[in-house]
N, C-alpha and C. Protein backbone atom coordinates (compact mmCIF):
# COMPACT_ATOMS: atom_id res chain seq x y z
N MET A 1 -0.19 -16.92 66.07
CA MET A 1 -0.16 -15.63 65.41
C MET A 1 0.82 -15.66 64.24
N ASN A 2 1.90 -16.35 64.38
CA ASN A 2 2.91 -16.44 63.34
C ASN A 2 2.37 -17.19 62.13
N LEU A 3 1.62 -18.27 62.37
CA LEU A 3 1.03 -19.05 61.28
C LEU A 3 -0.01 -18.21 60.52
N ARG A 4 -0.77 -17.43 61.26
CA ARG A 4 -1.78 -16.57 60.64
C ARG A 4 -1.11 -15.53 59.74
N ARG A 5 -0.02 -14.96 60.19
CA ARG A 5 0.72 -13.97 59.41
C ARG A 5 1.28 -14.61 58.13
N VAL A 6 1.77 -15.84 58.22
CA VAL A 6 2.31 -16.55 57.06
C VAL A 6 1.20 -16.82 56.04
N ILE A 7 0.04 -17.23 56.52
CA ILE A 7 -1.08 -17.51 55.63
C ILE A 7 -1.56 -16.24 54.94
N ILE A 8 -1.67 -15.17 55.68
CA ILE A 8 -2.08 -13.89 55.08
C ILE A 8 -1.04 -13.43 54.06
N SER A 9 0.23 -13.57 54.39
CA SER A 9 1.29 -13.21 53.44
C SER A 9 1.22 -14.07 52.18
N LEU A 10 0.95 -15.36 52.35
CA LEU A 10 0.83 -16.26 51.21
C LEU A 10 -0.35 -15.84 50.33
N TYR A 11 -1.50 -15.54 50.94
CA TYR A 11 -2.65 -15.08 50.18
C TYR A 11 -2.35 -13.76 49.46
N LEU A 12 -1.65 -12.88 50.13
CA LEU A 12 -1.30 -11.60 49.53
C LEU A 12 -0.40 -11.80 48.31
N VAL A 13 0.59 -12.68 48.44
CA VAL A 13 1.49 -12.97 47.32
C VAL A 13 0.72 -13.61 46.17
N LEU A 14 -0.17 -14.55 46.49
CA LEU A 14 -0.98 -15.18 45.44
C LEU A 14 -1.89 -14.16 44.76
N PHE A 15 -2.50 -13.29 45.55
CA PHE A 15 -3.37 -12.26 44.99
C PHE A 15 -2.59 -11.31 44.09
N LEU A 16 -1.42 -10.87 44.53
CA LEU A 16 -0.60 -9.97 43.71
C LEU A 16 -0.11 -10.68 42.45
N GLY A 17 0.24 -11.94 42.55
CA GLY A 17 0.66 -12.71 41.38
C GLY A 17 -0.47 -12.85 40.37
N ALA A 18 -1.67 -13.16 40.89
CA ALA A 18 -2.82 -13.29 40.00
C ALA A 18 -3.15 -11.94 39.36
N GLY A 19 -3.02 -10.87 40.12
CA GLY A 19 -3.27 -9.53 39.58
C GLY A 19 -2.25 -9.16 38.50
N ALA A 20 -0.97 -9.47 38.76
CA ALA A 20 0.06 -9.17 37.77
C ALA A 20 -0.14 -9.99 36.50
N THR A 21 -0.48 -11.27 36.66
CA THR A 21 -0.73 -12.12 35.50
C THR A 21 -1.93 -11.63 34.71
N SER A 22 -2.98 -11.25 35.40
CA SER A 22 -4.17 -10.72 34.73
C SER A 22 -3.85 -9.41 34.01
N GLY A 23 -3.07 -8.57 34.65
CA GLY A 23 -2.66 -7.31 34.02
C GLY A 23 -1.85 -7.55 32.76
N TYR A 24 -0.96 -8.54 32.81
CA TYR A 24 -0.14 -8.86 31.64
C TYR A 24 -1.02 -9.34 30.49
N PHE A 25 -1.97 -10.23 30.77
CA PHE A 25 -2.86 -10.73 29.72
C PHE A 25 -3.76 -9.63 29.19
N LEU A 26 -4.18 -8.73 30.07
CA LEU A 26 -4.99 -7.60 29.63
C LEU A 26 -4.18 -6.69 28.71
N TRP A 27 -2.93 -6.45 29.05
CA TRP A 27 -2.06 -5.62 28.22
C TRP A 27 -1.86 -6.27 26.84
N GLN A 28 -1.65 -7.59 26.81
CA GLN A 28 -1.50 -8.30 25.54
C GLN A 28 -2.78 -8.20 24.71
N ALA A 29 -3.91 -8.36 25.34
CA ALA A 29 -5.19 -8.29 24.63
C ALA A 29 -5.40 -6.89 24.06
N ARG A 30 -5.02 -5.86 24.83
CA ARG A 30 -5.15 -4.49 24.35
C ARG A 30 -4.25 -4.22 23.16
N GLU A 31 -3.02 -4.72 23.20
CA GLU A 31 -2.10 -4.59 22.07
C GLU A 31 -2.65 -5.28 20.83
N GLU A 32 -3.19 -6.47 21.01
CA GLU A 32 -3.78 -7.21 19.89
C GLU A 32 -4.98 -6.46 19.32
N TYR A 33 -5.79 -5.89 20.19
CA TYR A 33 -6.95 -5.11 19.75
C TYR A 33 -6.50 -3.90 18.94
N SER A 34 -5.47 -3.21 19.42
CA SER A 34 -4.95 -2.04 18.69
C SER A 34 -4.42 -2.45 17.32
N ARG A 35 -3.71 -3.57 17.26
CA ARG A 35 -3.17 -4.06 15.99
C ARG A 35 -4.31 -4.39 15.03
N LEU A 36 -5.34 -5.03 15.53
CA LEU A 36 -6.48 -5.38 14.68
C LEU A 36 -7.24 -4.14 14.20
N ARG A 37 -7.33 -3.13 15.03
CA ARG A 37 -7.97 -1.87 14.62
C ARG A 37 -7.20 -1.21 13.49
N ARG A 38 -5.85 -1.19 13.61
CA ARG A 38 -5.03 -0.63 12.54
C ARG A 38 -5.19 -1.44 11.25
N LEU A 39 -5.23 -2.75 11.38
CA LEU A 39 -5.42 -3.62 10.22
C LEU A 39 -6.78 -3.37 9.57
N GLU A 40 -7.80 -3.19 10.40
CA GLU A 40 -9.14 -2.92 9.87
C GLU A 40 -9.15 -1.59 9.11
N ALA A 41 -8.52 -0.57 9.68
CA ALA A 41 -8.48 0.74 9.01
C ALA A 41 -7.76 0.64 7.67
N ASP A 42 -6.65 -0.09 7.64
CA ASP A 42 -5.91 -0.27 6.39
C ASP A 42 -6.74 -1.04 5.38
N THR A 43 -7.44 -2.06 5.83
CA THR A 43 -8.28 -2.85 4.93
C THR A 43 -9.44 -2.02 4.39
N ARG A 44 -10.02 -1.20 5.23
CA ARG A 44 -11.12 -0.32 4.78
C ARG A 44 -10.62 0.68 3.74
N ARG A 45 -9.41 1.21 3.96
CA ARG A 45 -8.83 2.15 3.00
C ARG A 45 -8.59 1.47 1.65
N ARG A 46 -8.03 0.25 1.69
CA ARG A 46 -7.79 -0.47 0.45
C ARG A 46 -9.10 -0.83 -0.26
N LEU A 47 -10.13 -1.15 0.52
CA LEU A 47 -11.45 -1.44 -0.05
C LEU A 47 -12.01 -0.21 -0.75
N ALA A 48 -11.89 0.95 -0.11
CA ALA A 48 -12.39 2.19 -0.71
C ALA A 48 -11.65 2.49 -2.02
N GLU A 49 -10.33 2.27 -2.04
CA GLU A 49 -9.56 2.48 -3.26
C GLU A 49 -10.00 1.51 -4.36
N ALA A 50 -10.22 0.25 -3.99
CA ALA A 50 -10.65 -0.74 -4.98
C ALA A 50 -12.04 -0.41 -5.51
N GLU A 51 -12.92 0.06 -4.66
CA GLU A 51 -14.26 0.44 -5.11
C GLU A 51 -14.19 1.64 -6.04
N ALA A 52 -13.30 2.59 -5.76
CA ALA A 52 -13.14 3.75 -6.64
C ALA A 52 -12.62 3.31 -8.01
N ARG A 53 -11.64 2.39 -8.01
CA ARG A 53 -11.13 1.88 -9.29
C ARG A 53 -12.23 1.14 -10.06
N LEU A 54 -13.03 0.38 -9.34
CA LEU A 54 -14.13 -0.35 -9.97
C LEU A 54 -15.13 0.61 -10.61
N GLN A 55 -15.48 1.67 -9.90
CA GLN A 55 -16.42 2.65 -10.46
C GLN A 55 -15.84 3.30 -11.71
N GLU A 56 -14.55 3.62 -11.69
CA GLU A 56 -13.90 4.22 -12.85
C GLU A 56 -13.93 3.24 -14.03
N GLN A 57 -13.63 1.98 -13.77
CA GLN A 57 -13.64 0.98 -14.83
C GLN A 57 -15.05 0.76 -15.37
N GLU A 58 -16.04 0.80 -14.49
CA GLU A 58 -17.43 0.67 -14.96
C GLU A 58 -17.83 1.86 -15.81
N ARG A 59 -17.37 3.05 -15.45
CA ARG A 59 -17.66 4.25 -16.24
C ARG A 59 -17.02 4.13 -17.62
N ILE A 60 -15.77 3.67 -17.67
CA ILE A 60 -15.08 3.49 -18.95
C ILE A 60 -15.80 2.42 -19.79
N LEU A 61 -16.18 1.33 -19.16
CA LEU A 61 -16.89 0.27 -19.88
C LEU A 61 -18.21 0.77 -20.45
N ASP A 62 -18.93 1.57 -19.68
CA ASP A 62 -20.19 2.13 -20.16
C ASP A 62 -19.94 3.04 -21.36
N ARG A 63 -18.89 3.85 -21.29
CA ARG A 63 -18.56 4.72 -22.43
C ARG A 63 -18.15 3.90 -23.65
N LEU A 64 -17.41 2.81 -23.43
CA LEU A 64 -17.03 1.96 -24.55
C LEU A 64 -18.25 1.31 -25.20
N ARG A 65 -19.26 1.00 -24.43
CA ARG A 65 -20.48 0.39 -24.96
C ARG A 65 -21.38 1.38 -25.67
N ASN A 66 -21.38 2.65 -25.21
CA ASN A 66 -22.40 3.59 -25.68
C ASN A 66 -21.88 4.81 -26.42
N ASP A 67 -20.58 5.06 -26.44
CA ASP A 67 -20.04 6.29 -27.04
C ASP A 67 -19.08 5.94 -28.17
N PRO A 68 -19.56 5.96 -29.42
CA PRO A 68 -18.69 5.59 -30.55
C PRO A 68 -17.48 6.52 -30.71
N ALA A 69 -17.63 7.80 -30.41
CA ALA A 69 -16.50 8.73 -30.52
C ALA A 69 -15.41 8.36 -29.52
N TYR A 70 -15.80 7.97 -28.33
CA TYR A 70 -14.82 7.55 -27.32
C TYR A 70 -14.11 6.27 -27.77
N VAL A 71 -14.87 5.33 -28.32
CA VAL A 71 -14.28 4.08 -28.81
C VAL A 71 -13.24 4.39 -29.88
N GLU A 72 -13.60 5.27 -30.81
CA GLU A 72 -12.66 5.62 -31.88
C GLU A 72 -11.40 6.27 -31.31
N ARG A 73 -11.56 7.17 -30.37
CA ARG A 73 -10.41 7.85 -29.76
C ARG A 73 -9.50 6.85 -29.04
N VAL A 74 -10.09 5.88 -28.33
CA VAL A 74 -9.30 4.87 -27.62
C VAL A 74 -8.55 3.99 -28.61
N ILE A 75 -9.23 3.56 -29.66
CA ILE A 75 -8.58 2.71 -30.66
C ILE A 75 -7.44 3.45 -31.33
N ARG A 76 -7.65 4.70 -31.68
CA ARG A 76 -6.58 5.48 -32.33
C ARG A 76 -5.39 5.67 -31.40
N ARG A 77 -5.65 5.95 -30.15
CA ARG A 77 -4.56 6.24 -29.22
C ARG A 77 -3.79 4.97 -28.84
N ARG A 78 -4.48 3.90 -28.52
CA ARG A 78 -3.81 2.71 -28.00
C ARG A 78 -3.30 1.78 -29.10
N LEU A 79 -4.02 1.69 -30.18
CA LEU A 79 -3.64 0.75 -31.23
C LEU A 79 -3.01 1.43 -32.44
N TYR A 80 -2.88 2.76 -32.38
CA TYR A 80 -2.27 3.55 -33.46
C TYR A 80 -2.98 3.33 -34.80
N TYR A 81 -4.29 3.27 -34.78
CA TYR A 81 -5.04 3.14 -36.01
C TYR A 81 -5.21 4.53 -36.62
N ALA A 82 -5.36 4.53 -37.95
CA ALA A 82 -5.56 5.79 -38.66
C ALA A 82 -6.56 5.55 -39.78
N LYS A 83 -7.16 6.62 -40.21
CA LYS A 83 -8.04 6.55 -41.36
C LYS A 83 -7.17 6.43 -42.61
N PRO A 84 -7.75 5.99 -43.72
CA PRO A 84 -6.93 5.75 -44.92
C PRO A 84 -6.13 6.96 -45.39
N ASP A 85 -6.60 8.17 -45.18
CA ASP A 85 -5.87 9.35 -45.67
C ASP A 85 -5.05 10.04 -44.58
N GLU A 86 -4.82 9.38 -43.46
CA GLU A 86 -4.05 9.96 -42.35
C GLU A 86 -2.72 9.25 -42.20
N TYR A 87 -1.77 9.96 -41.58
CA TYR A 87 -0.46 9.38 -41.25
C TYR A 87 -0.26 9.49 -39.75
N ILE A 88 0.43 8.53 -39.20
CA ILE A 88 0.73 8.54 -37.77
C ILE A 88 2.24 8.72 -37.62
N PHE A 89 2.60 9.71 -36.84
CA PHE A 89 4.01 9.96 -36.54
C PHE A 89 4.28 9.53 -35.10
N ARG A 90 5.30 8.72 -34.92
CA ARG A 90 5.69 8.27 -33.57
C ARG A 90 7.02 8.93 -33.22
N PHE A 91 7.06 9.49 -32.04
CA PHE A 91 8.28 10.13 -31.57
C PHE A 91 8.75 9.40 -30.31
N LYS A 92 10.05 9.23 -30.20
CA LYS A 92 10.59 8.60 -28.99
C LYS A 92 10.61 9.65 -27.88
N ASP A 93 10.24 9.24 -26.71
CA ASP A 93 10.21 10.17 -25.56
C ASP A 93 11.56 10.29 -24.91
């Protein structure tokens, strides 16, 4: 009877150890899954921002190709170009 009790106790300890080890690995896997979900959400947000910037740049490029008034306005503003009878005044901010 004593040997049987020792064997049952040994099996119980092994079972509890295996359960604790499995629980620990499950907890680690869950933490890793949560971290990856957060990373995915951040990556999706950055992708959406990049796509919005791309659409804006495509819109500007289309206007530069097809809208001469816009091209003139951009050249005047960024390159400080003027017509022959105009003057440009620059002020320090």
